Amino acid sequence: MGRTFGKHSDLELYKALREKKPMAEAAFSELYSRYAQRVFAYCLRVMGNHDDAQDIFQETYLKFYNNAQSLEVVDNIPGLLLTIARNLCLNHKRDKRTNYNIDDYQVSSVETDYEKKELLELISRALELLDFEYREAFVLRQYQGLSYKEISKICGISVSAIKNRVWRAKEQIKEILSPYLKEMSN
């Protein structure tokens, strides 16, 4: 395989994870550099908390490395990473139920200099209020840029169900943000 791992395909690198230590570490490092930002962004958007996202992100790569020792056929490395991250997020959410009160996120006044930043913050907070399945579908579609078919494969449900979840997420976000948007238009 040589020293320049950047020229190798994901699948070649994945196979190299089963080699002896220096080669496996170099292959892992290359795969990490290719997808770490994307996986962390997913974890952060879905979890809405930097510390939880960081923990899940690290556990994702640990499980990914361990899976390489047992899974022989993988055709989509980013899909596998996102599937592992998704499952860990689901487990974390299940184990740590949190209730949010929409009233905590109402904004009473708008500073014109900060409207855009504030709106982005409100969207992030609105995402936290969504049920996991809607938030996940929205994040994978809007922030990760995946196709409905790719999301369907990761989540293990039909394309039409994914489309429905994304639509419902958008509708719920609009509803949550409607008081703020009305205030902005005044």
N, C-alpha and C. Protein backbone atom coordinates (compact mmCIF):
# COMPACT_ATOMS: atom_id res chain seq x y z
N MET A 1 0.80 -1.19 0.00
CA MET A 1 0.00 0.00 0.00
C MET A 1 0.85 1.26 0.00
N GLY A 2 1.98 1.22 0.60
CA GLY A 2 2.87 2.38 0.55
C GLY A 2 2.51 3.45 1.57
N ARG A 3 3.23 4.56 1.48
CA ARG A 3 3.09 5.63 2.46
C ARG A 3 1.97 6.63 2.13
N THR A 4 1.60 6.74 0.88
CA THR A 4 0.60 7.73 0.49
C THR A 4 -0.78 7.10 0.50
N PHE A 5 -1.40 7.10 1.65
CA PHE A 5 -2.71 6.47 1.81
C PHE A 5 -3.82 7.29 1.17
N GLY A 6 -3.58 8.56 0.95
CA GLY A 6 -4.59 9.43 0.37
C GLY A 6 -5.03 9.01 -1.02
N LYS A 7 -4.20 8.25 -1.71
CA LYS A 7 -4.51 7.81 -3.07
C LYS A 7 -5.39 6.56 -3.09
N HIS A 8 -5.54 5.91 -1.96
CA HIS A 8 -6.28 4.65 -1.90
C HIS A 8 -7.76 4.89 -1.66
N SER A 9 -8.55 3.95 -2.15
CA SER A 9 -10.01 4.04 -1.96
C SER A 9 -10.36 3.74 -0.51
N ASP A 10 -11.57 4.12 -0.14
CA ASP A 10 -12.06 3.82 1.20
C ASP A 10 -12.01 2.32 1.48
N LEU A 11 -12.42 1.54 0.49
CA LEU A 11 -12.48 0.09 0.69
C LEU A 11 -11.09 -0.52 0.87
N GLU A 12 -10.10 -0.01 0.14
CA GLU A 12 -8.73 -0.48 0.33
C GLU A 12 -8.23 -0.13 1.73
N LEU A 13 -8.56 1.07 2.16
CA LEU A 13 -8.14 1.48 3.50
C LEU A 13 -8.84 0.66 4.57
N TYR A 14 -10.12 0.38 4.35
CA TYR A 14 -10.88 -0.42 5.32
C TYR A 14 -10.26 -1.81 5.46
N LYS A 15 -9.89 -2.41 4.33
CA LYS A 15 -9.23 -3.73 4.38
C LYS A 15 -7.89 -3.65 5.11
N ALA A 16 -7.19 -2.51 4.95
CA ALA A 16 -5.88 -2.34 5.59
C ALA A 16 -5.99 -2.22 7.11
N LEU A 17 -7.19 -1.95 7.62
CA LEU A 17 -7.36 -1.85 9.07
C LEU A 17 -7.10 -3.19 9.76
N ARG A 18 -7.11 -4.27 9.00
CA ARG A 18 -6.85 -5.60 9.57
C ARG A 18 -5.36 -5.98 9.52
N GLU A 19 -4.55 -5.11 8.92
CA GLU A 19 -3.11 -5.38 8.81
C GLU A 19 -2.40 -5.13 10.14
N LYS A 20 -1.08 -5.29 10.11
CA LYS A 20 -0.27 -5.04 11.31
C LYS A 20 -0.33 -3.56 11.68
N LYS A 21 0.08 -3.27 12.90
CA LYS A 21 -0.14 -1.97 13.52
C LYS A 21 0.24 -0.74 12.67
N PRO A 22 1.43 -0.59 12.17
CA PRO A 22 1.72 0.69 11.49
C PRO A 22 0.81 0.93 10.28
N MET A 23 0.54 -0.11 9.52
CA MET A 23 -0.30 0.06 8.34
C MET A 23 -1.75 0.31 8.74
N ALA A 24 -2.25 -0.42 9.73
CA ALA A 24 -3.62 -0.24 10.19
C ALA A 24 -3.81 1.17 10.75
N GLU A 25 -2.83 1.65 11.51
CA GLU A 25 -2.94 3.00 12.08
C GLU A 25 -2.95 4.06 10.99
N ALA A 26 -2.12 3.89 9.97
CA ALA A 26 -2.08 4.87 8.87
C ALA A 26 -3.39 4.85 8.08
N ALA A 27 -3.95 3.67 7.85
CA ALA A 27 -5.22 3.55 7.14
C ALA A 27 -6.35 4.19 7.95
N PHE A 28 -6.36 3.91 9.25
CA PHE A 28 -7.36 4.50 10.13
C PHE A 28 -7.25 6.03 10.13
N SER A 29 -6.04 6.52 10.20
CA SER A 29 -5.80 7.96 10.21
C SER A 29 -6.33 8.61 8.94
N GLU A 30 -6.13 7.97 7.82
CA GLU A 30 -6.61 8.52 6.55
C GLU A 30 -8.15 8.52 6.50
N LEU A 31 -8.76 7.43 6.91
CA LEU A 31 -10.24 7.38 6.93
C LEU A 31 -10.79 8.40 7.93
N TYR A 32 -10.12 8.54 9.03
CA TYR A 32 -10.53 9.53 10.04
C TYR A 32 -10.49 10.93 9.44
N SER A 33 -9.39 11.26 8.77
CA SER A 33 -9.27 12.61 8.21
C SER A 33 -10.30 12.86 7.10
N ARG A 34 -10.72 11.83 6.42
CA ARG A 34 -11.71 11.99 5.34
C ARG A 34 -13.11 12.27 5.89
N TYR A 35 -13.46 11.66 7.01
CA TYR A 35 -14.86 11.69 7.44
C TYR A 35 -15.11 12.25 8.84
N ALA A 36 -14.09 12.57 9.59
CA ALA A 36 -14.28 13.01 10.97
C ALA A 36 -15.16 14.25 11.07
N GLN A 37 -14.91 15.22 10.23
CA GLN A 37 -15.68 16.46 10.31
C GLN A 37 -17.17 16.20 10.04
N ARG A 38 -17.44 15.38 9.07
CA ARG A 38 -18.82 15.06 8.71
C ARG A 38 -19.53 14.29 9.83
N VAL A 39 -18.84 13.32 10.41
CA VAL A 39 -19.42 12.51 11.47
C VAL A 39 -19.65 13.36 12.73
N PHE A 40 -18.67 14.21 13.06
CA PHE A 40 -18.84 15.04 14.24
C PHE A 40 -19.99 16.04 14.04
N ALA A 41 -20.08 16.61 12.85
CA ALA A 41 -21.17 17.56 12.56
C ALA A 41 -22.52 16.86 12.74
N TYR A 42 -22.63 15.63 12.27
CA TYR A 42 -23.87 14.86 12.45
C TYR A 42 -24.17 14.68 13.94
N CYS A 43 -23.17 14.23 14.69
CA CYS A 43 -23.37 13.99 16.13
C CYS A 43 -23.79 15.27 16.84
N LEU A 44 -23.14 16.36 16.51
CA LEU A 44 -23.45 17.63 17.16
C LEU A 44 -24.86 18.10 16.83
N ARG A 45 -25.25 18.00 15.58
CA ARG A 45 -26.59 18.44 15.19
C ARG A 45 -27.67 17.57 15.81
N VAL A 46 -27.44 16.28 15.84
CA VAL A 46 -28.46 15.37 16.38
C VAL A 46 -28.53 15.46 17.90
N MET A 47 -27.38 15.57 18.55
CA MET A 47 -27.37 15.58 20.00
C MET A 47 -27.64 16.97 20.57
N GLY A 48 -27.21 18.01 19.86
CA GLY A 48 -27.43 19.36 20.33
C GLY A 48 -26.58 19.75 21.52
N ASN A 49 -25.58 18.94 21.86
CA ASN A 49 -24.73 19.18 23.01
C ASN A 49 -23.31 18.78 22.63
N HIS A 50 -22.37 19.69 22.79
CA HIS A 50 -20.99 19.44 22.34
C HIS A 50 -20.35 18.27 23.06
N ASP A 51 -20.52 18.19 24.38
CA ASP A 51 -19.89 17.12 25.15
C ASP A 51 -20.44 15.74 24.77
N ASP A 52 -21.76 15.65 24.68
CA ASP A 52 -22.37 14.38 24.26
C ASP A 52 -21.94 14.01 22.85
N ALA A 53 -21.92 15.01 21.97
CA ALA A 53 -21.52 14.77 20.58
C ALA A 53 -20.08 14.26 20.52
N GLN A 54 -19.21 14.87 21.31
CA GLN A 54 -17.80 14.45 21.33
C GLN A 54 -17.66 13.01 21.82
N ASP A 55 -18.38 12.67 22.87
CA ASP A 55 -18.33 11.30 23.39
C ASP A 55 -18.81 10.29 22.34
N ILE A 56 -19.92 10.60 21.70
CA ILE A 56 -20.48 9.70 20.69
C ILE A 56 -19.57 9.62 19.48
N PHE A 57 -19.01 10.74 19.10
CA PHE A 57 -18.07 10.78 17.97
C PHE A 57 -16.88 9.85 18.23
N GLN A 58 -16.29 9.95 19.41
CA GLN A 58 -15.15 9.09 19.75
C GLN A 58 -15.55 7.62 19.78
N GLU A 59 -16.71 7.34 20.37
CA GLU A 59 -17.17 5.96 20.43
C GLU A 59 -17.47 5.42 19.03
N THR A 60 -17.94 6.29 18.14
CA THR A 60 -18.22 5.88 16.76
C THR A 60 -16.95 5.35 16.10
N TYR A 61 -15.86 6.09 16.23
CA TYR A 61 -14.62 5.67 15.58
C TYR A 61 -14.03 4.43 16.25
N LEU A 62 -14.22 4.29 17.54
CA LEU A 62 -13.76 3.08 18.23
C LEU A 62 -14.52 1.86 17.71
N LYS A 63 -15.84 1.97 17.62
CA LYS A 63 -16.65 0.87 17.10
C LYS A 63 -16.33 0.60 15.63
N PHE A 64 -16.10 1.66 14.87
CA PHE A 64 -15.74 1.51 13.46
C PHE A 64 -14.46 0.68 13.32
N TYR A 65 -13.47 1.01 14.11
CA TYR A 65 -12.20 0.27 14.07
C TYR A 65 -12.41 -1.18 14.47
N ASN A 66 -13.17 -1.39 15.53
CA ASN A 66 -13.44 -2.76 15.99
C ASN A 66 -14.25 -3.55 14.96
N ASN A 67 -15.19 -2.88 14.29
CA ASN A 67 -15.97 -3.55 13.25
C ASN A 67 -15.10 -4.01 12.08
N ALA A 68 -14.06 -3.26 11.81
CA ALA A 68 -13.18 -3.61 10.69
C ALA A 68 -12.51 -4.97 10.91
N GLN A 69 -12.40 -5.36 12.16
CA GLN A 69 -11.79 -6.64 12.46
C GLN A 69 -12.73 -7.80 12.16
N SER A 70 -14.06 -7.53 12.13
CA SER A 70 -15.02 -8.62 11.93
C SER A 70 -15.84 -8.49 10.64
N LEU A 71 -16.12 -7.28 10.19
CA LEU A 71 -16.90 -7.11 8.96
C LEU A 71 -15.98 -7.17 7.74
N GLU A 72 -16.27 -8.08 6.86
CA GLU A 72 -15.41 -8.21 5.70
C GLU A 72 -15.88 -7.36 4.54
N VAL A 73 -17.18 -7.27 4.32
CA VAL A 73 -17.69 -6.57 3.16
C VAL A 73 -18.40 -5.29 3.60
N VAL A 74 -17.86 -4.18 3.18
CA VAL A 74 -18.47 -2.88 3.42
C VAL A 74 -18.35 -2.11 2.12
N ASP A 75 -19.49 -1.59 1.64
CA ASP A 75 -19.45 -0.89 0.36
C ASP A 75 -19.55 0.63 0.50
N ASN A 76 -19.81 1.13 1.73
CA ASN A 76 -20.01 2.55 1.92
C ASN A 76 -19.47 2.96 3.29
N ILE A 77 -18.24 3.42 3.33
CA ILE A 77 -17.60 3.77 4.60
C ILE A 77 -18.31 4.93 5.30
N PRO A 78 -18.61 6.05 4.60
CA PRO A 78 -19.32 7.12 5.31
C PRO A 78 -20.69 6.66 5.80
N GLY A 79 -21.35 5.82 5.04
CA GLY A 79 -22.64 5.28 5.47
C GLY A 79 -22.51 4.43 6.72
N LEU A 80 -21.46 3.62 6.78
CA LEU A 80 -21.21 2.80 7.97
C LEU A 80 -20.93 3.69 9.18
N LEU A 81 -20.11 4.71 9.00
CA LEU A 81 -19.80 5.62 10.11
C LEU A 81 -21.06 6.32 10.61
N LEU A 82 -21.88 6.80 9.69
CA LEU A 82 -23.11 7.49 10.10
C LEU A 82 -24.10 6.52 10.76
N THR A 83 -24.13 5.28 10.30
CA THR A 83 -25.00 4.28 10.91
C THR A 83 -24.56 4.00 12.34
N ILE A 84 -23.27 3.86 12.54
CA ILE A 84 -22.74 3.63 13.90
C ILE A 84 -23.07 4.84 14.78
N ALA A 85 -22.81 6.03 14.26
CA ALA A 85 -23.10 7.26 15.03
C ALA A 85 -24.59 7.35 15.35
N ARG A 86 -25.42 7.03 14.38
CA ARG A 86 -26.87 7.07 14.58
C ARG A 86 -27.29 6.13 15.71
N ASN A 87 -26.80 4.91 15.67
CA ASN A 87 -27.17 3.94 16.70
C ASN A 87 -26.71 4.39 18.09
N LEU A 88 -25.51 4.97 18.15
CA LEU A 88 -25.02 5.46 19.44
C LEU A 88 -25.85 6.65 19.92
N CYS A 89 -26.25 7.52 19.00
CA CYS A 89 -27.12 8.65 19.37
C CYS A 89 -28.47 8.15 19.88
N LEU A 90 -29.02 7.16 19.19
CA LEU A 90 -30.30 6.58 19.63
C LEU A 90 -30.16 5.99 21.03
N ASN A 91 -29.11 5.24 21.25
CA ASN A 91 -28.89 4.64 22.57
C ASN A 91 -28.75 5.71 23.64
N HIS A 92 -28.00 6.74 23.33
CA HIS A 92 -27.79 7.82 24.30
C HIS A 92 -29.11 8.53 24.60
N LYS A 93 -29.88 8.82 23.57
CA LYS A 93 -31.17 9.50 23.76
C LYS A 93 -32.12 8.62 24.58
N ARG A 94 -32.11 7.34 24.30
CA ARG A 94 -32.98 6.42 25.04
C ARG A 94 -32.59 6.38 26.52
N ASP A 95 -31.30 6.36 26.77
CA ASP A 95 -30.82 6.26 28.14
C ASP A 95 -30.91 7.58 28.90
N LYS A 96 -30.98 8.69 28.19
CA LYS A 96 -30.98 10.01 28.83
C LYS A 96 -32.13 10.84 28.28
N ARG A 97 -33.32 10.54 28.72
CA ARG A 97 -34.51 11.28 28.27
C ARG A 97 -34.49 12.67 28.88
N THR A 98 -34.70 13.67 28.02
CA THR A 98 -34.74 15.05 28.46
C THR A 98 -36.02 15.70 27.96
N ASN A 99 -36.70 16.41 28.82
CA ASN A 99 -37.90 17.12 28.41
C ASN A 99 -37.56 18.59 28.24
N TYR A 100 -38.03 19.17 27.15
CA TYR A 100 -37.80 20.57 26.87
C TYR A 100 -39.13 21.31 26.92
N ASN A 101 -39.09 22.50 27.38
CA ASN A 101 -40.26 23.35 27.41
C ASN A 101 -40.09 24.41 26.35
N ILE A 102 -41.02 24.48 25.43
CA ILE A 102 -40.93 25.44 24.33
C ILE A 102 -40.84 26.86 24.85
N ASP A 103 -41.46 27.16 25.99
CA ASP A 103 -41.43 28.51 26.54
C ASP A 103 -40.01 28.96 26.88
N ASP A 104 -39.13 28.02 27.15
CA ASP A 104 -37.74 28.37 27.45
C ASP A 104 -37.04 28.99 26.25
N TYR A 105 -37.57 28.75 25.07
CA TYR A 105 -36.89 29.18 23.85
C TYR A 105 -37.58 30.34 23.15
N GLN A 106 -38.56 30.96 23.79
CA GLN A 106 -39.22 32.12 23.20
C GLN A 106 -38.31 33.34 23.36
N VAL A 107 -38.29 34.17 22.36
CA VAL A 107 -37.47 35.38 22.39
C VAL A 107 -38.39 36.58 22.49
N SER A 108 -38.15 37.45 23.47
CA SER A 108 -39.06 38.57 23.69
C SER A 108 -38.69 39.80 22.87
N SER A 109 -37.43 39.98 22.54
CA SER A 109 -37.05 41.12 21.70
C SER A 109 -35.97 40.71 20.73
N VAL A 110 -35.88 41.48 19.64
CA VAL A 110 -34.92 41.14 18.59
C VAL A 110 -33.93 42.29 18.43
N GLU A 111 -32.67 41.96 18.47
CA GLU A 111 -31.63 42.93 18.19
C GLU A 111 -31.32 42.81 16.70
N THR A 112 -31.46 43.90 15.96
CA THR A 112 -31.31 43.82 14.50
C THR A 112 -29.92 43.37 14.07
N ASP A 113 -28.89 43.73 14.83
CA ASP A 113 -27.53 43.33 14.46
C ASP A 113 -27.30 41.83 14.61
N TYR A 114 -28.12 41.21 15.43
CA TYR A 114 -27.90 39.81 15.74
C TYR A 114 -29.00 38.89 15.20
N GLU A 115 -29.86 39.41 14.36
CA GLU A 115 -31.00 38.61 13.91
C GLU A 115 -30.59 37.31 13.24
N LYS A 116 -29.64 37.37 12.34
CA LYS A 116 -29.24 36.16 11.62
C LYS A 116 -28.64 35.13 12.58
N LYS A 117 -27.73 35.58 13.43
CA LYS A 117 -27.11 34.68 14.39
C LYS A 117 -28.17 34.09 15.33
N GLU A 118 -29.07 34.93 15.76
CA GLU A 118 -30.12 34.50 16.67
C GLU A 118 -31.04 33.49 16.00
N LEU A 119 -31.37 33.73 14.75
CA LEU A 119 -32.23 32.81 14.01
C LEU A 119 -31.56 31.44 13.88
N LEU A 120 -30.27 31.43 13.57
CA LEU A 120 -29.54 30.16 13.47
C LEU A 120 -29.54 29.44 14.82
N GLU A 121 -29.37 30.19 15.89
CA GLU A 121 -29.42 29.60 17.23
C GLU A 121 -30.80 29.03 17.53
N LEU A 122 -31.83 29.77 17.13
CA LEU A 122 -33.19 29.29 17.35
C LEU A 122 -33.48 28.03 16.55
N ILE A 123 -32.96 27.96 15.34
CA ILE A 123 -33.15 26.75 14.53
C ILE A 123 -32.47 25.56 15.24
N SER A 124 -31.28 25.79 15.75
CA SER A 124 -30.59 24.72 16.48
C SER A 124 -31.38 24.28 17.70
N ARG A 125 -31.93 25.25 18.40
CA ARG A 125 -32.74 24.92 19.58
C ARG A 125 -34.04 24.25 19.18
N ALA A 126 -34.63 24.69 18.08
CA ALA A 126 -35.85 24.05 17.59
C ALA A 126 -35.58 22.59 17.26
N LEU A 127 -34.41 22.31 16.70
CA LEU A 127 -34.03 20.93 16.39
C LEU A 127 -34.03 20.07 17.65
N GLU A 128 -33.58 20.66 18.77
CA GLU A 128 -33.54 19.92 20.03
C GLU A 128 -34.94 19.51 20.50
N LEU A 129 -35.95 20.26 20.08
CA LEU A 129 -37.31 20.00 20.50
C LEU A 129 -37.99 18.90 19.69
N LEU A 130 -37.42 18.58 18.54
CA LEU A 130 -38.02 17.56 17.68
C LEU A 130 -37.77 16.17 18.23
N ASP A 131 -38.69 15.26 17.94
CA ASP A 131 -38.45 13.86 18.24
C ASP A 131 -37.23 13.40 17.46
N PHE A 132 -36.52 12.43 18.00
CA PHE A 132 -35.25 12.00 17.41
C PHE A 132 -35.39 11.65 15.93
N GLU A 133 -36.42 10.88 15.56
CA GLU A 133 -36.51 10.42 14.17
C GLU A 133 -36.68 11.58 13.19
N TYR A 134 -37.38 12.64 13.60
CA TYR A 134 -37.54 13.81 12.72
C TYR A 134 -36.24 14.61 12.66
N ARG A 135 -35.62 14.81 13.81
CA ARG A 135 -34.36 15.56 13.85
C ARG A 135 -33.30 14.86 13.02
N GLU A 136 -33.21 13.55 13.20
CA GLU A 136 -32.21 12.78 12.48
C GLU A 136 -32.41 12.89 10.97
N ALA A 137 -33.62 12.70 10.49
CA ALA A 137 -33.90 12.79 9.06
C ALA A 137 -33.58 14.18 8.53
N PHE A 138 -33.96 15.20 9.28
CA PHE A 138 -33.70 16.59 8.88
C PHE A 138 -32.20 16.85 8.80
N VAL A 139 -31.46 16.44 9.81
CA VAL A 139 -30.01 16.66 9.85
C VAL A 139 -29.32 15.93 8.70
N LEU A 140 -29.68 14.68 8.48
CA LEU A 140 -29.05 13.92 7.40
C LEU A 140 -29.34 14.55 6.04
N ARG A 141 -30.54 15.07 5.87
CA ARG A 141 -30.93 15.67 4.58
C ARG A 141 -30.36 17.08 4.42
N GLN A 142 -30.60 17.96 5.40
CA GLN A 142 -30.26 19.37 5.27
C GLN A 142 -28.80 19.68 5.57
N TYR A 143 -28.23 19.04 6.58
CA TYR A 143 -26.87 19.36 6.98
C TYR A 143 -25.83 18.41 6.39
N GLN A 144 -26.20 17.15 6.20
CA GLN A 144 -25.26 16.20 5.62
C GLN A 144 -25.41 16.10 4.11
N GLY A 145 -26.54 16.57 3.57
CA GLY A 145 -26.75 16.58 2.12
C GLY A 145 -26.97 15.20 1.52
N LEU A 146 -27.43 14.25 2.32
CA LEU A 146 -27.65 12.90 1.80
C LEU A 146 -28.96 12.84 1.03
N SER A 147 -29.02 11.92 0.08
CA SER A 147 -30.26 11.70 -0.67
C SER A 147 -31.25 10.95 0.22
N TYR A 148 -32.51 10.99 -0.17
CA TYR A 148 -33.52 10.25 0.59
C TYR A 148 -33.19 8.76 0.59
N LYS A 149 -32.68 8.27 -0.52
CA LYS A 149 -32.33 6.85 -0.62
C LYS A 149 -31.20 6.49 0.36
N GLU A 150 -30.19 7.35 0.45
CA GLU A 150 -29.09 7.10 1.39
C GLU A 150 -29.58 7.12 2.83
N ILE A 151 -30.44 8.08 3.14
CA ILE A 151 -30.98 8.17 4.50
C ILE A 151 -31.83 6.94 4.81
N SER A 152 -32.60 6.51 3.81
CA SER A 152 -33.43 5.32 3.96
C SER A 152 -32.58 4.10 4.33
N LYS A 153 -31.46 3.97 3.67
CA LYS A 153 -30.58 2.83 3.93
C LYS A 153 -29.98 2.91 5.34
N ILE A 154 -29.57 4.10 5.76
CA ILE A 154 -28.98 4.28 7.09
C ILE A 154 -30.00 3.99 8.18
N CYS A 155 -31.22 4.50 7.99
CA CYS A 155 -32.26 4.36 9.03
C CYS A 155 -33.02 3.05 8.94
N GLY A 156 -32.92 2.37 7.81
CA GLY A 156 -33.60 1.08 7.67
C GLY A 156 -35.10 1.21 7.48
N ILE A 157 -35.55 2.31 6.88
CA ILE A 157 -36.97 2.48 6.58
C ILE A 157 -37.13 2.97 5.14
N SER A 158 -38.37 3.01 4.67
CA SER A 158 -38.62 3.35 3.26
C SER A 158 -38.30 4.81 2.95
N VAL A 159 -38.07 5.07 1.66
CA VAL A 159 -37.80 6.42 1.19
C VAL A 159 -38.99 7.33 1.49
N SER A 160 -40.20 6.83 1.29
CA SER A 160 -41.38 7.66 1.55
C SER A 160 -41.49 8.02 3.04
N ALA A 161 -41.10 7.11 3.91
CA ALA A 161 -41.12 7.41 5.35
C ALA A 161 -40.08 8.50 5.68
N ILE A 162 -38.94 8.45 5.03
CA ILE A 162 -37.90 9.46 5.23
C ILE A 162 -38.40 10.82 4.74
N LYS A 163 -39.00 10.84 3.56
CA LYS A 163 -39.54 12.10 3.03
C LYS A 163 -40.56 12.68 3.99
N ASN A 164 -41.39 11.81 4.54
CA ASN A 164 -42.40 12.25 5.49
C ASN A 164 -41.74 12.84 6.75
N ARG A 165 -40.70 12.20 7.24
CA ARG A 165 -40.03 12.68 8.45
C ARG A 165 -39.37 14.05 8.21
N VAL A 166 -38.75 14.21 7.05
CA VAL A 166 -38.11 15.49 6.74
C VAL A 166 -39.18 16.58 6.65
N TRP A 167 -40.28 16.28 5.97
CA TRP A 167 -41.37 17.24 5.84
C TRP A 167 -41.93 17.61 7.21
N ARG A 168 -42.17 16.61 8.06
CA ARG A 168 -42.71 16.88 9.40
C ARG A 168 -41.72 17.69 10.24
N ALA A 169 -40.44 17.40 10.09
CA ALA A 169 -39.43 18.17 10.83
C ALA A 169 -39.49 19.63 10.41
N LYS A 170 -39.56 19.88 9.12
CA LYS A 170 -39.63 21.27 8.63
C LYS A 170 -40.89 21.96 9.15
N GLU A 171 -42.00 21.26 9.13
CA GLU A 171 -43.25 21.84 9.61
C GLU A 171 -43.18 22.16 11.10
N GLN A 172 -42.59 21.25 11.87
CA GLN A 172 -42.48 21.48 13.31
C GLN A 172 -41.54 22.64 13.61
N ILE A 173 -40.46 22.75 12.85
CA ILE A 173 -39.52 23.86 13.04
C ILE A 173 -40.22 25.18 12.71
N LYS A 174 -40.98 25.20 11.62
CA LYS A 174 -41.73 26.42 11.27
C LYS A 174 -42.69 26.80 12.39
N GLU A 175 -43.36 25.81 12.94
CA GLU A 175 -44.31 26.07 14.02
C GLU A 175 -43.61 26.61 15.27
N ILE A 176 -42.49 26.01 15.61
CA ILE A 176 -41.73 26.44 16.78
C ILE A 176 -41.22 27.87 16.59
N LEU A 177 -40.78 28.18 15.38
CA LEU A 177 -40.19 29.49 15.12
C LEU A 177 -41.21 30.56 14.74
N SER A 178 -42.47 30.19 14.55
CA SER A 178 -43.45 31.16 14.07
C SER A 178 -43.56 32.41 14.95
N PRO A 179 -43.54 32.31 16.29
CA PRO A 179 -43.59 33.56 17.07
C PRO A 179 -42.39 34.49 16.78
N TYR A 180 -41.24 33.89 16.64
CA TYR A 180 -40.04 34.67 16.36
C TYR A 180 -40.12 35.31 14.97
N LEU A 181 -40.56 34.52 14.00
CA LEU A 181 -40.64 35.03 12.62
C LEU A 181 -41.67 36.16 12.52
N LYS A 182 -42.78 36.04 13.25
CA LYS A 182 -43.77 37.11 13.27
C LYS A 182 -43.19 38.38 13.85
N GLU A 183 -42.41 38.22 14.92
CA GLU A 183 -41.79 39.37 15.58
C GLU A 183 -40.78 40.04 14.66
N MET A 184 -40.04 39.25 13.88
CA MET A 184 -39.07 39.80 12.94
C MET A 184 -39.76 40.62 11.84
N SER A 185 -40.93 40.21 11.42
CA SER A 185 -41.60 40.89 10.31
C SER A 185 -42.27 42.20 10.76
N ASN A 186 -42.41 42.41 12.07
CA ASN A 186 -43.02 43.67 12.58
C ASN A 186 -42.04 44.81 12.56
